[in-house]
Structures are given as structure tokens and as C-alpha cells.
Amino acid sequence: MAKAFASAGDMTEKTISFDQIGDGLYAFTAEGDPNTGVIIGDDSVMIVEAQATPRLARKVIECVRSVTDKPISHLVLTHYHAVRVLGASAYGADQVIMSDAARGMVVERGQEDWDSEFARFPRLFEGHEEIPGLTYPTTTFSEAMTVYLGNRRVDIMKLGRAHTAGDAVIWVPDDEVMFTGDIVEYHSACYCGDGHLTEWGDTLDNIASFQPRAIAPGRGDALVGDAMVSAAIASTRDFVESTYAPAARVAARGGSLKEAWDAVRAACDPKFSDFAIYEHCLPFNVARAYDEARGIETPRIWTADRDAQMWADLQG
């Protein structure tokens, strides 16, 4: 029997957790659904990742209001994907921040990504009728910028390409805590469909060089303590390498995408088949790894039609 397309069959509500990972720092997580970070400053709050719709964003706001009544002044979006950005309007933030590269991808492929992700994961678009349109930043940066929430310093940086070409991380130096977006995952599959797999490991090295005491990853549990941080970085590295290397070997000998699919499954299934959204991600990951290994530098734009055809070819 063919598998349900992507996560279209996943309609089970996930349990929300709201964990403190530092002084005034929190991770909103939901069993492998997209995470959101919260940074409380002297006078206001910064949110990291918006969720997919205003309705889902209000669940984050409810958690924020359980710990502070300070206004939300800043919203940082680590990359352009619809499930991360389309809930932005709910926060009423004065500044919406993205990297220049991420904004460029909203312009280039934002609508296609929205249409694509809506079909892939309908549960995450609960209340989609409230979305006012594509989310564009009010503020962008090239390599790095610093925001002060009163006296609390927050550094927003590009540390390299990985999940997308525009990935940003957020570093809170007074507590040595990092919000990594989907560059780091914990017991959740990495989505590599728009990624740069051969550079991902170097970007993980750059994250590790900060020696964060805690990380809010893109998906999965909050990572508190050296052991969890190191384990998540190592697992993410293994996932990406185990996806790329078999596909690259097939591409090098002129093999087909379906042969690459079989090779990646053989390498990844024994280690990662119980990870959240594993079956959802795998066809997109194999397609991108195969493209990258064949020298296609810029990830091809996913559309709803391309998604459906690729899924039929590989997971059907």
C-alpha cells in the first residue's frame, strides 16, 4: 500500500512543552513539530520562529504570557520556510528579522513553498485562513547583527549554509544559549530538500565552537547540558552524512534517483526510521542529495506538482 503523501495523514495533536533553558530563555516544543524560542530581555521579548499560522502562534503567546507580561518587540525568523514564518502577524512585533539571503528566498520561492508545505502537512496550517500573506522582514542583515533587549545582548548570525542558504542562528552570550533553527534537530529527521548537505557539517562545527550550554533545536526536545547538546549535534551530522554519501556514490557512477533512494534507505533506515517526520523527509532529502552530488548548486524550487510527482516516483 502506498504511504500517505508526506505528513498528510498525520492529524494527531501533539503535546506542547514549554521548557526553561536559561535565565529568561525558553523553548516551545511539540513532539517533533516546529519549535519556537523565547528570549526575555529587560523590557521586551524576542521570539525565534513564528509557527505556520497566527492560530498556532497564539499557542506560543499563551505560554509566553505564563512567564512574562513584557511586550513582544522582535521576531527572528531563521529561514524562509512557510511552517516557520506565516504565523508572524500574531506577534505584533516592531521588528521582523531575517538574513538577506532568507528574504531573497521569500521573494524567489515563498509562494511555491507555502503551497507545497500546505499540501505536505495540513495539520500545521490550522487556521490558515488568517494568514495575511507572505511574511517579509522589516530588518535584514548580511552576516551578523546585534540586538539589545535593554542590557541583554542577542547576536543573530549566519554561521554557514545547511538547512537552507539563508540560515541564521541566535546566540545569547550572557547565558551561552543558542537557538539554531533546523540546522540542529533532536530525534527528528533533518529536512534536506532545500539544503546544502556538503556544507552542513562545517556549519555544525561553527555552532559547536560556541560551546553552548543549551540549544533550542528546530524540532525535538530542548537540549540542556553538554551531553544533550553534543549528542544532538553528532546525530544531526550523522543523519546528513548518511543521506548524502550513498546518494553521491550512486550519482558518481551515473545511477538513477531510484537507485539513490534505495542506497539512502539502506544507510538511514536502521538508524533513523523512528525519528519524527522521517518518512516525510526522506524523498525530498534523497532528491536534493542526488542533485547536489550531480553539481546542482542551488536547490530546485519545490512546487505542489513537483512534490506529488517525486513522492509517486519514490514513496508511491
C-alpha atoms as a PDB file:
ATOM      1  CA  MET A   1       0.000   0.000   0.000  1.00  0.00           C
ATOM      2  CA  ALA A   2       1.328   3.463  -0.889  1.00  0.00           C
ATOM      3  CA  LYS A   3       2.164   5.730   2.021  1.00  0.00           C
ATOM      4  CA  ALA A   4       0.033   8.825   2.627  1.00  0.00           C
ATOM      5  CA  PHE A   5       1.665  11.838   0.984  1.00  0.00           C
ATOM      6  CA  ALA A   6       4.298  13.428   3.234  1.00  0.00           C
ATOM      7  CA  SER A   7       2.528  14.138   6.564  1.00  0.00           C
ATOM      8  CA  ALA A   8      -0.982  14.468   5.144  1.00  0.00           C
ATOM      9  CA  GLY A   9      -2.061  11.517   7.258  1.00  0.00           C
ATOM     10  CA  ASP A  10      -0.608  12.889  10.499  1.00  0.00           C
ATOM     11  CA  MET A  11      -3.559  14.551  12.176  1.00  0.00           C
ATOM     12  CA  THR A  12      -2.652  13.658  15.778  1.00  0.00           C
ATOM     13  CA  GLU A  13      -2.420  16.662  18.071  1.00  0.00           C
ATOM     14  CA  LYS A  14       0.998  16.903  19.714  1.00  0.00           C
ATOM     15  CA  THR A  15       1.668  17.651  23.369  1.00  0.00           C
ATOM     16  CA  ILE A  16       3.220  21.076  23.898  1.00  0.00           C
ATOM     17  CA  SER A  17       6.164  21.575  26.259  1.00  0.00           C
ATOM     18  CA  PHE A  18       7.500  24.934  27.384  1.00  0.00           C
ATOM     19  CA  ASP A  19      10.918  24.427  28.927  1.00  0.00           C
ATOM     20  CA  GLN A  20      13.246  26.924  30.530  1.00  0.00           C
ATOM     21  CA  ILE A  21      16.721  26.537  29.021  1.00  0.00           C
ATOM     22  CA  GLY A  22      18.375  29.552  30.626  1.00  0.00           C
ATOM     23  CA  ASP A  23      17.644  32.725  32.535  1.00  0.00           C
ATOM     24  CA  GLY A  24      14.582  34.148  30.775  1.00  0.00           C
ATOM     25  CA  LEU A  25      15.099  31.722  27.878  1.00  0.00           C
ATOM     26  CA  TYR A  26      12.514  29.159  26.818  1.00  0.00           C
ATOM     27  CA  ALA A  27      11.873  26.516  24.169  1.00  0.00           C
ATOM     28  CA  PHE A  28       8.342  25.848  22.925  1.00  0.00           C
ATOM     29  CA  THR A  29       8.361  22.277  21.604  1.00  0.00           C
ATOM     30  CA  ALA A  30       5.696  19.802  20.495  1.00  0.00           C
ATOM     31  CA  GLU A  31       6.917  16.238  19.931  1.00  0.00           C
ATOM     32  CA  GLY A  32       8.743  16.872  16.681  1.00  0.00           C
ATOM     33  CA  ASP A  33       6.566  19.700  15.356  1.00  0.00           C
ATOM     34  CA  PRO A  34       8.348  23.017  14.629  1.00  0.00           C
ATOM     35  CA  ASN A  35       9.838  24.649  17.719  1.00  0.00           C
ATOM     36  CA  THR A  36       9.783  28.310  18.776  1.00  0.00           C
ATOM     37  CA  GLY A  37      12.243  30.103  21.059  1.00  0.00           C
ATOM     38  CA  VAL A  38      11.607  32.854  23.594  1.00  0.00           C
ATOM     39  CA  ILE A  39      14.170  35.385  24.827  1.00  0.00           C
ATOM     40  CA  ILE A  40      13.064  37.705  27.615  1.00  0.00           C
ATOM     41  CA  GLY A  41      15.011  40.933  27.919  1.00  0.00           C
ATOM     42  CA  ASP A  42      14.836  43.805  30.399  1.00  0.00           C
ATOM     43  CA  ASP A  43      11.839  45.483  28.809  1.00  0.00           C
ATOM     44  CA  SER A  44      10.622  43.253  25.993  1.00  0.00           C
ATOM     45  CA  VAL A  45      10.605  39.802  24.428  1.00  0.00           C
ATOM     46  CA  MET A  46      12.183  38.344  21.279  1.00  0.00           C
ATOM     47  CA  ILE A  47      10.519  35.357  19.605  1.00  0.00           C
ATOM     48  CA  VAL A  48      12.519  32.958  17.413  1.00  0.00           C
ATOM     49  CA  GLU A  49      10.331  31.297  14.717  1.00  0.00           C
ATOM     50  CA  ALA A  50       6.713  32.265  14.188  1.00  0.00           C
ATOM     51  CA  GLN A  51       4.880  28.945  13.598  1.00  0.00           C
ATOM     52  CA  ALA A  52       2.825  28.317  10.454  1.00  0.00           C
ATOM     53  CA  THR A  53      -0.338  30.275  11.249  1.00  0.00           C
ATOM     54  CA  PRO A  54      -1.496  33.033  13.606  1.00  0.00           C
ATOM     55  CA  ARG A  55      -3.665  30.478  15.421  1.00  0.00           C
ATOM     56  CA  LEU A  56      -0.661  28.302  16.215  1.00  0.00           C
ATOM     57  CA  ALA A  57       1.359  31.395  17.109  1.00  0.00           C
ATOM     58  CA  ARG A  58      -1.205  32.254  19.758  1.00  0.00           C
ATOM     59  CA  LYS A  59      -0.359  28.978  21.487  1.00  0.00           C
ATOM     60  CA  VAL A  60       3.196  30.268  21.806  1.00  0.00           C
ATOM     61  CA  ILE A  61       1.965  33.638  23.048  1.00  0.00           C
ATOM     62  CA  GLU A  62      -0.145  31.903  25.695  1.00  0.00           C
ATOM     63  CA  CYS A  63       2.995  30.202  27.005  1.00  0.00           C
ATOM     64  CA  VAL A  64       4.935  33.468  26.918  1.00  0.00           C
ATOM     65  CA  ARG A  65       2.214  35.165  28.949  1.00  0.00           C
ATOM     66  CA  SER A  66       2.550  32.445  31.586  1.00  0.00           C
ATOM     67  CA  VAL A  67       6.046  33.742  32.393  1.00  0.00           C
ATOM     68  CA  THR A  68       6.079  37.462  31.462  1.00  0.00           C
ATOM     69  CA  ASP A  69       3.811  40.362  30.568  1.00  0.00           C
ATOM     70  CA  LYS A  70       6.552  42.223  28.684  1.00  0.00           C
ATOM     71  CA  PRO A  71       5.665  43.195  25.098  1.00  0.00           C
ATOM     72  CA  ILE A  72       6.954  41.215  22.138  1.00  0.00           C
ATOM     73  CA  SER A  73       9.253  43.607  20.311  1.00  0.00           C
ATOM     74  CA  HIS A  74      11.264  41.368  17.960  1.00  0.00           C
ATOM     75  CA  LEU A  75      10.591  38.292  15.869  1.00  0.00           C
ATOM     76  CA  VAL A  76      13.576  36.484  14.332  1.00  0.00           C
ATOM     77  CA  LEU A  77      12.989  34.003  11.519  1.00  0.00           C
ATOM     78  CA  THR A  78      15.920  31.649  10.975  1.00  0.00           C
ATOM     79  CA  HIS A  79      14.899  30.873   7.381  1.00  0.00           C
ATOM     80  CA  TYR A  80      12.062  31.241   4.902  1.00  0.00           C
ATOM     81  CA  HIS A  81      10.030  28.022   5.193  1.00  0.00           C
ATOM     82  CA  ALA A  82       6.292  28.530   5.488  1.00  0.00           C
ATOM     83  CA  VAL A  83       5.871  26.471   8.661  1.00  0.00           C
ATOM     84  CA  ARG A  84       8.319  28.829  10.364  1.00  0.00           C
ATOM     85  CA  VAL A  85       7.153  32.232   9.178  1.00  0.00           C
ATOM     86  CA  LEU A  86       3.489  32.502   8.227  1.00  0.00           C
ATOM     87  CA  GLY A  87       2.235  32.998  11.801  1.00  0.00           C
ATOM     88  CA  ALA A  88       4.260  36.203  12.147  1.00  0.00           C
ATOM     89  CA  SER A  89       1.333  38.627  12.156  1.00  0.00           C
ATOM     90  CA  ALA A  90       0.051  37.325  15.512  1.00  0.00           C
ATOM     91  CA  TYR A  91       3.002  38.667  17.487  1.00  0.00           C
ATOM     92  CA  GLY A  92       2.695  42.334  16.584  1.00  0.00           C
ATOM     93  CA  ALA A  93       6.488  42.663  16.753  1.00  0.00           C
ATOM     94  CA  ASP A  94       8.079  46.015  15.899  1.00  0.00           C
ATOM     95  CA  GLN A  95      10.882  44.265  14.024  1.00  0.00           C
ATOM     96  CA  VAL A  96      10.795  41.074  11.970  1.00  0.00           C
ATOM     97  CA  ILE A  97      14.355  39.957  11.265  1.00  0.00           C
ATOM     98  CA  MET A  98      15.765  37.622   8.590  1.00  0.00           C
ATOM     99  CA  SER A  99      19.056  37.296   6.780  1.00  0.00           C
ATOM    100  CA  ASP A 100      19.305  38.988   3.389  1.00  0.00           C
ATOM    101  CA  ALA A 101      19.553  35.546   1.796  1.00  0.00           C
ATOM    102  CA  ALA A 102      16.404  34.312   3.534  1.00  0.00           C
ATOM    103  CA  ARG A 103      14.446  37.355   2.384  1.00  0.00           C
ATOM    104  CA  GLY A 104      15.635  36.723  -1.152  1.00  0.00           C
ATOM    105  CA  MET A 105      14.227  33.224  -0.956  1.00  0.00           C
ATOM    106  CA  VAL A 106      10.844  34.558   0.174  1.00  0.00           C
ATOM    107  CA  VAL A 107      10.836  36.687  -2.983  1.00  0.00           C
ATOM    108  CA  GLU A 108      12.082  33.877  -5.214  1.00  0.00           C
ATOM    109  CA  ARG A 109      10.113  30.900  -3.915  1.00  0.00           C
ATOM    110  CA  GLY A 110       7.962  31.902  -0.947  1.00  0.00           C
ATOM    111  CA  GLN A 111       4.585  31.297  -2.562  1.00  0.00           C
ATOM    112  CA  GLU A 112       5.643  27.987  -4.065  1.00  0.00           C
ATOM    113  CA  ASP A 113       6.962  26.896  -0.674  1.00  0.00           C
ATOM    114  CA  TRP A 114       3.701  27.875   1.030  1.00  0.00           C
ATOM    115  CA  ASP A 115       1.635  25.905  -1.495  1.00  0.00           C
ATOM    116  CA  SER A 116       3.995  22.956  -1.226  1.00  0.00           C
ATOM    117  CA  GLU A 117       4.107  22.813   2.582  1.00  0.00           C
ATOM    118  CA  PHE A 118       0.356  23.280   2.898  1.00  0.00           C
ATOM    119  CA  ALA A 119      -0.186  20.062   0.954  1.00  0.00           C
ATOM    120  CA  ARG A 120       2.580  18.225   2.784  1.00  0.00           C
ATOM    121  CA  PHE A 121       1.487  18.983   6.349  1.00  0.00           C
ATOM    122  CA  PRO A 122      -2.111  20.221   6.612  1.00  0.00           C
ATOM    123  CA  ARG A 123      -2.270  19.865  10.409  1.00  0.00           C
ATOM    124  CA  LEU A 124       0.381  22.554  10.833  1.00  0.00           C
ATOM    125  CA  PHE A 125      -1.786  25.008   8.887  1.00  0.00           C
ATOM    126  CA  GLU A 126      -4.668  25.014  11.347  1.00  0.00           C
ATOM    127  CA  GLY A 127      -6.376  28.403  10.946  1.00  0.00           C
ATOM    128  CA  HIS A 128      -4.617  29.102   7.639  1.00  0.00           C
ATOM    129  CA  GLU A 129      -7.411  31.431   6.564  1.00  0.00           C
ATOM    130  CA  GLU A 130      -5.993  34.052   8.980  1.00  0.00           C
ATOM    131  CA  ILE A 131      -2.612  34.231   7.239  1.00  0.00           C
ATOM    132  CA  PRO A 132      -2.446  37.702   5.666  1.00  0.00           C
ATOM    133  CA  GLY A 133       0.117  36.771   3.016  1.00  0.00           C
ATOM    134  CA  LEU A 134       3.810  36.045   2.664  1.00  0.00           C
ATOM    135  CA  THR A 135       5.973  37.158   5.594  1.00  0.00           C
ATOM    136  CA  TYR A 136       8.643  39.708   4.726  1.00  0.00           C
ATOM    137  CA  PRO A 137      11.155  41.052   7.242  1.00  0.00           C
ATOM    138  CA  THR A 138      11.346  44.678   8.318  1.00  0.00           C
ATOM    139  CA  THR A 139      15.070  44.271   9.059  1.00  0.00           C
ATOM    140  CA  THR A 140      17.728  42.169   7.350  1.00  0.00           C
ATOM    141  CA  PHE A 141      21.433  41.519   7.834  1.00  0.00           C
ATOM    142  CA  SER A 142      24.194  40.126   5.676  1.00  0.00           C
ATOM    143  CA  GLU A 143      26.423  38.170   8.083  1.00  0.00           C
ATOM    144  CA  ALA A 144      25.582  39.282  11.630  1.00  0.00           C
ATOM    145  CA  MET A 145      23.737  41.832  13.712  1.00  0.00           C
ATOM    146  CA  THR A 146      23.257  42.529  17.399  1.00  0.00           C
ATOM    147  CA  VAL A 147      20.025  43.457  19.163  1.00  0.00           C
ATOM    148  CA  TYR A 148      19.881  44.756  22.715  1.00  0.00           C
ATOM    149  CA  LEU A 149      16.770  43.953  24.721  1.00  0.00           C
ATOM    150  CA  GLY A 150      17.613  46.555  27.343  1.00  0.00           C
ATOM    151  CA  ASN A 151      21.001  45.358  28.586  1.00  0.00           C
ATOM    152  CA  ARG A 152      20.562  41.841  27.245  1.00  0.00           C
ATOM    153  CA  ARG A 153      22.643  41.295  24.155  1.00  0.00           C
ATOM    154  CA  VAL A 154      21.384  38.962  21.409  1.00  0.00           C
ATOM    155  CA  ASP A 155      23.632  38.121  18.454  1.00  0.00           C
ATOM    156  CA  ILE A 156      21.980  36.977  15.210  1.00  0.00           C
ATOM    157  CA  MET A 157      24.410  35.371  12.787  1.00  0.00           C
ATOM    158  CA  LYS A 158      24.914  33.311   9.695  1.00  0.00           C
ATOM    159  CA  LEU A 159      27.368  30.520  10.516  1.00  0.00           C
ATOM    160  CA  GLY A 160      27.156  28.771   7.163  1.00  0.00           C
ATOM    161  CA  ARG A 161      24.730  27.093   4.811  1.00  0.00           C
ATOM    162  CA  ALA A 162      22.943  23.956   5.985  1.00  0.00           C
ATOM    163  CA  HIS A 163      19.153  23.524   6.074  1.00  0.00           C
ATOM    164  CA  THR A 164      18.893  26.445   3.605  1.00  0.00           C
ATOM    165  CA  ALA A 165      21.250  29.008   2.122  1.00  0.00           C
ATOM    166  CA  GLY A 166      19.927  31.719   4.448  1.00  0.00           C
ATOM    167  CA  ASP A 167      20.063  30.011   7.849  1.00  0.00           C
ATOM    168  CA  ALA A 168      20.521  32.198  10.907  1.00  0.00           C
ATOM    169  CA  VAL A 169      21.322  31.243  14.488  1.00  0.00           C
ATOM    170  CA  ILE A 170      20.616  33.308  17.593  1.00  0.00           C
ATOM    171  CA  TRP A 171      23.202  33.427  20.391  1.00  0.00           C
ATOM    172  CA  VAL A 172      22.522  34.766  23.873  1.00  0.00           C
ATOM    173  CA  PRO A 173      26.023  35.248  25.301  1.00  0.00           C
ATOM    174  CA  ASP A 174      25.118  36.077  28.888  1.00  0.00           C
ATOM    175  CA  ASP A 175      23.724  32.541  29.301  1.00  0.00           C
ATOM    176  CA  GLU A 176      25.615  30.761  26.494  1.00  0.00           C
ATOM    177  CA  VAL A 177      22.409  29.524  24.867  1.00  0.00           C
ATOM    178  CA  MET A 178      21.803  29.156  21.136  1.00  0.00           C
ATOM    179  CA  PHE A 179      18.667  28.904  19.000  1.00  0.00           C
ATOM    180  CA  THR A 180      19.693  27.016  15.861  1.00  0.00           C
ATOM    181  CA  GLY A 181      16.556  26.642  13.780  1.00  0.00           C
ATOM    182  CA  ASP A 182      16.639  23.493  11.665  1.00  0.00           C
ATOM    183  CA  ILE A 183      20.421  23.305  11.458  1.00  0.00           C
ATOM    184  CA  VAL A 184      20.241  21.093  14.567  1.00  0.00           C
ATOM    185  CA  GLU A 185      17.464  18.582  15.261  1.00  0.00           C
ATOM    186  CA  TYR A 186      16.885  16.154  18.119  1.00  0.00           C
ATOM    187  CA  HIS A 187      15.351  12.739  17.417  1.00  0.00           C
ATOM    188  CA  SER A 188      13.720  14.280  14.370  1.00  0.00           C
ATOM    189  CA  ALA A 189      14.671  13.869  10.744  1.00  0.00           C
ATOM    190  CA  CYS A 190      16.553  16.742   9.151  1.00  0.00           C
ATOM    191  CA  TYR A 191      14.695  18.171   6.183  1.00  0.00           C
ATOM    192  CA  CYS A 192      17.365  18.490   3.491  1.00  0.00           C
ATOM    193  CA  GLY A 193      15.182  19.269   0.487  1.00  0.00           C
ATOM    194  CA  ASP A 194      16.443  22.860   0.292  1.00  0.00           C
ATOM    195  CA  GLY A 195      19.772  22.142   1.931  1.00  0.00           C
ATOM    196  CA  HIS A 196      23.470  22.281   1.264  1.00  0.00           C
ATOM    197  CA  LEU A 197      24.473  18.901   2.573  1.00  0.00           C
ATOM    198  CA  THR A 198      28.208  19.088   1.927  1.00  0.00           C
ATOM    199  CA  GLU A 199      28.464  22.322   3.931  1.00  0.00           C
ATOM    200  CA  TRP A 200      26.152  21.292   6.784  1.00  0.00           C
ATOM    201  CA  GLY A 201      28.932  19.638   8.805  1.00  0.00           C
ATOM    202  CA  ASP A 202      31.105  22.764   8.749  1.00  0.00           C
ATOM    203  CA  THR A 203      28.137  24.800   9.968  1.00  0.00           C
ATOM    204  CA  LEU A 204      27.625  22.324  12.822  1.00  0.00           C
ATOM    205  CA  ASP A 205      31.318  22.741  13.691  1.00  0.00           C
ATOM    206  CA  ASN A 206      30.804  26.503  13.846  1.00  0.00           C
ATOM    207  CA  ILE A 207      27.858  26.037  16.212  1.00  0.00           C
ATOM    208  CA  ALA A 208      29.837  23.653  18.401  1.00  0.00           C
ATOM    209  CA  SER A 209      32.700  26.153  18.621  1.00  0.00           C
ATOM    210  CA  PHE A 210      30.487  28.399  20.764  1.00  0.00           C
ATOM    211  CA  GLN A 211      30.251  25.574  23.320  1.00  0.00           C
ATOM    212  CA  PRO A 212      26.583  26.322  24.029  1.00  0.00           C
ATOM    213  CA  ARG A 213      25.300  25.187  27.402  1.00  0.00           C
ATOM    214  CA  ALA A 214      21.841  24.720  25.892  1.00  0.00           C
ATOM    215  CA  ILE A 215      20.285  24.689  22.429  1.00  0.00           C
ATOM    216  CA  ALA A 216      16.712  25.125  21.244  1.00  0.00           C
ATOM    217  CA  PRO A 217      16.777  22.986  18.078  1.00  0.00           C
ATOM    218  CA  GLY A 218      14.426  23.254  15.134  1.00  0.00           C
ATOM    219  CA  ARG A 219      12.483  20.146  16.116  1.00  0.00           C
ATOM    220  CA  GLY A 220      12.625  17.846  19.102  1.00  0.00           C
ATOM    221  CA  ASP A 221      13.284  18.351  22.792  1.00  0.00           C
ATOM    222  CA  ALA A 222      15.166  21.294  24.247  1.00  0.00           C
ATOM    223  CA  LEU A 223      18.834  20.415  24.682  1.00  0.00           C
ATOM    224  CA  VAL A 224      20.187  21.330  28.095  1.00  0.00           C
ATOM    225  CA  GLY A 225      23.683  20.386  29.171  1.00  0.00           C
ATOM    226  CA  ASP A 226      26.847  19.378  27.341  1.00  0.00           C
ATOM    227  CA  ALA A 227      25.786  15.766  26.857  1.00  0.00           C
ATOM    228  CA  MET A 228      22.490  16.548  25.124  1.00  0.00           C
ATOM    229  CA  VAL A 229      23.992  19.338  23.027  1.00  0.00           C
ATOM    230  CA  SER A 230      26.855  17.133  21.842  1.00  0.00           C
ATOM    231  CA  ALA A 231      24.572  14.179  21.153  1.00  0.00           C
ATOM    232  CA  ALA A 232      22.188  16.260  19.053  1.00  0.00           C
ATOM    233  CA  ILE A 233      24.975  17.817  17.000  1.00  0.00           C
ATOM    234  CA  ALA A 234      26.537  14.390  16.423  1.00  0.00           C
ATOM    235  CA  SER A 235      23.200  12.827  15.469  1.00  0.00           C
ATOM    236  CA  THR A 236      22.405  15.668  13.075  1.00  0.00           C
ATOM    237  CA  ARG A 237      25.815  15.285  11.453  1.00  0.00           C
ATOM    238  CA  ASP A 238      25.333  11.527  11.103  1.00  0.00           C
ATOM    239  CA  PHE A 239      21.884  11.993   9.565  1.00  0.00           C
ATOM    240  CA  VAL A 240      23.110  14.434   6.923  1.00  0.00           C
ATOM    241  CA  GLU A 241      26.229  12.421   6.077  1.00  0.00           C
ATOM    242  CA  SER A 242      24.261   9.171   5.920  1.00  0.00           C
ATOM    243  CA  THR A 243      21.885  10.827   3.477  1.00  0.00           C
ATOM    244  CA  TYR A 244      24.448  12.455   1.217  1.00  0.00           C
ATOM    245  CA  ALA A 245      27.194   9.836   0.928  1.00  0.00           C
ATOM    246  CA  PRO A 246      25.093   6.974  -0.515  1.00  0.00           C
ATOM    247  CA  ALA A 247      23.346   9.314  -2.959  1.00  0.00           C
ATOM    248  CA  ALA A 248      26.693  10.750  -4.042  1.00  0.00           C
ATOM    249  CA  ARG A 249      28.115   7.298  -4.731  1.00  0.00           C
ATOM    250  CA  VAL A 250      25.143   6.457  -6.944  1.00  0.00           C
ATOM    251  CA  ALA A 251      25.352   9.783  -8.762  1.00  0.00           C
ATOM    252  CA  ALA A 252      29.096   9.349  -9.366  1.00  0.00           C
ATOM    253  CA  ARG A 253      28.526   6.141 -11.313  1.00  0.00           C
ATOM    254  CA  GLY A 254      25.618   7.578 -13.274  1.00  0.00           C
ATOM    255  CA  GLY A 255      22.949   5.750 -11.329  1.00  0.00           C
ATOM    256  CA  SER A 256      19.322   6.806 -11.138  1.00  0.00           C
ATOM    257  CA  LEU A 257      17.393   8.723  -8.500  1.00  0.00           C
ATOM    258  CA  LYS A 258      15.584   5.498  -7.588  1.00  0.00           C
ATOM    259  CA  GLU A 259      18.925   3.769  -7.042  1.00  0.00           C
ATOM    260  CA  ALA A 260      19.978   6.660  -4.833  1.00  0.00           C
ATOM    261  CA  TRP A 261      16.713   6.245  -2.891  1.00  0.00           C
ATOM    262  CA  ASP A 262      17.439   2.564  -2.282  1.00  0.00           C
ATOM    263  CA  ALA A 263      21.008   3.308  -1.167  1.00  0.00           C
ATOM    264  CA  VAL A 264      19.987   6.069   1.239  1.00  0.00           C
ATOM    265  CA  ARG A 265      17.239   3.914   2.732  1.00  0.00           C
ATOM    266  CA  ALA A 266      19.738   1.130   3.346  1.00  0.00           C
ATOM    267  CA  ALA A 267      22.029   3.530   5.208  1.00  0.00           C
ATOM    268  CA  CYS A 268      19.417   5.546   7.105  1.00  0.00           C
ATOM    269  CA  ASP A 269      16.562   3.182   7.953  1.00  0.00           C
ATOM    270  CA  PRO A 270      18.469   1.192  10.592  1.00  0.00           C
ATOM    271  CA  LYS A 271      19.466   4.365  12.446  1.00  0.00           C
ATOM    272  CA  PHE A 272      16.713   6.903  11.922  1.00  0.00           C
ATOM    273  CA  SER A 273      13.432   5.221  10.974  1.00  0.00           C
ATOM    274  CA  ASP A 274      11.903   6.048  14.382  1.00  0.00           C
ATOM    275  CA  PHE A 275      12.702   9.763  14.100  1.00  0.00           C
ATOM    276  CA  ALA A 276       9.855  12.257  13.763  1.00  0.00           C
ATOM    277  CA  ILE A 277       8.883  13.061  10.144  1.00  0.00           C
ATOM    278  CA  TYR A 278      11.418  10.544   8.815  1.00  0.00           C
ATOM    279  CA  GLU A 279       9.258   9.106   6.026  1.00  0.00           C
ATOM    280  CA  HIS A 280       8.010  12.604   5.194  1.00  0.00           C
ATOM    281  CA  CYS A 281      11.511  13.985   4.692  1.00  0.00           C
ATOM    282  CA  LEU A 282      13.255  11.082   3.011  1.00  0.00           C
ATOM    283  CA  PRO A 283      12.148  11.528  -0.628  1.00  0.00           C
ATOM    284  CA  PHE A 284      12.878  15.261  -0.556  1.00  0.00           C
ATOM    285  CA  ASN A 285      16.244  14.590   1.091  1.00  0.00           C
ATOM    286  CA  VAL A 286      17.279  11.985  -1.456  1.00  0.00           C
ATOM    287  CA  ALA A 287      16.231  14.187  -4.360  1.00  0.00           C
ATOM    288  CA  ARG A 288      18.299  17.108  -3.091  1.00  0.00           C
ATOM    289  CA  ALA A 289      21.323  14.957  -2.180  1.00  0.00           C
ATOM    290  CA  TYR A 290      21.267  13.410  -5.655  1.00  0.00           C
ATOM    291  CA  ASP A 291      21.026  16.868  -7.254  1.00  0.00           C
ATOM    292  CA  GLU A 292      23.829  18.308  -5.148  1.00  0.00           C
ATOM    293  CA  ALA A 293      26.087  15.360  -5.920  1.00  0.00           C
ATOM    294  CA  ARG A 294      25.495  15.979  -9.625  1.00  0.00           C
ATOM    295  CA  GLY A 295      26.635  19.594  -9.287  1.00  0.00           C
ATOM    296  CA  ILE A 296      23.282  21.385  -8.976  1.00  0.00           C
ATOM    297  CA  GLU A 297      24.366  24.174  -6.636  1.00  0.00           C
ATOM    298  CA  THR A 298      21.057  25.905  -5.947  1.00  0.00           C
ATOM    299  CA  PRO A 299      18.225  23.719  -4.650  1.00  0.00           C
ATOM    300  CA  ARG A 300      15.448  23.464  -7.204  1.00  0.00           C
ATOM    301  CA  ILE A 301      12.154  25.056  -6.185  1.00  0.00           C
ATOM    302  CA  TRP A 302       9.642  22.610  -4.781  1.00  0.00           C
ATOM    303  CA  THR A 303       6.117  23.055  -6.088  1.00  0.00           C
ATOM    304  CA  ALA A 304       2.983  21.137  -5.212  1.00  0.00           C
ATOM    305  CA  ASP A 305       3.151  19.386  -8.601  1.00  0.00           C
ATOM    306  CA  ARG A 306       6.839  18.512  -8.276  1.00  0.00           C
ATOM    307  CA  ASP A 307       6.215  17.216  -4.731  1.00  0.00           C
ATOM    308  CA  ALA A 308       3.446  14.899  -5.871  1.00  0.00           C
ATOM    309  CA  GLN A 309       5.413  13.502  -8.804  1.00  0.00           C
ATOM    310  CA  MET A 310       8.551  12.903  -6.752  1.00  0.00           C
ATOM    311  CA  TRP A 311       6.543  11.221  -3.988  1.00  0.00           C
ATOM    312  CA  ALA A 312       4.860   8.914  -6.501  1.00  0.00           C
ATOM    313  CA  ASP A 313       8.222   8.024  -8.021  1.00  0.00           C
ATOM    314  CA  LEU A 314       9.924   7.225  -4.712  1.00  0.00           C
ATOM    315  CA  GLN A 315       7.415   6.595  -1.912  1.00  0.00           C
ATOM    316  CA  GLY A 316       4.493   5.506  -4.063  1.00  0.00           C
END
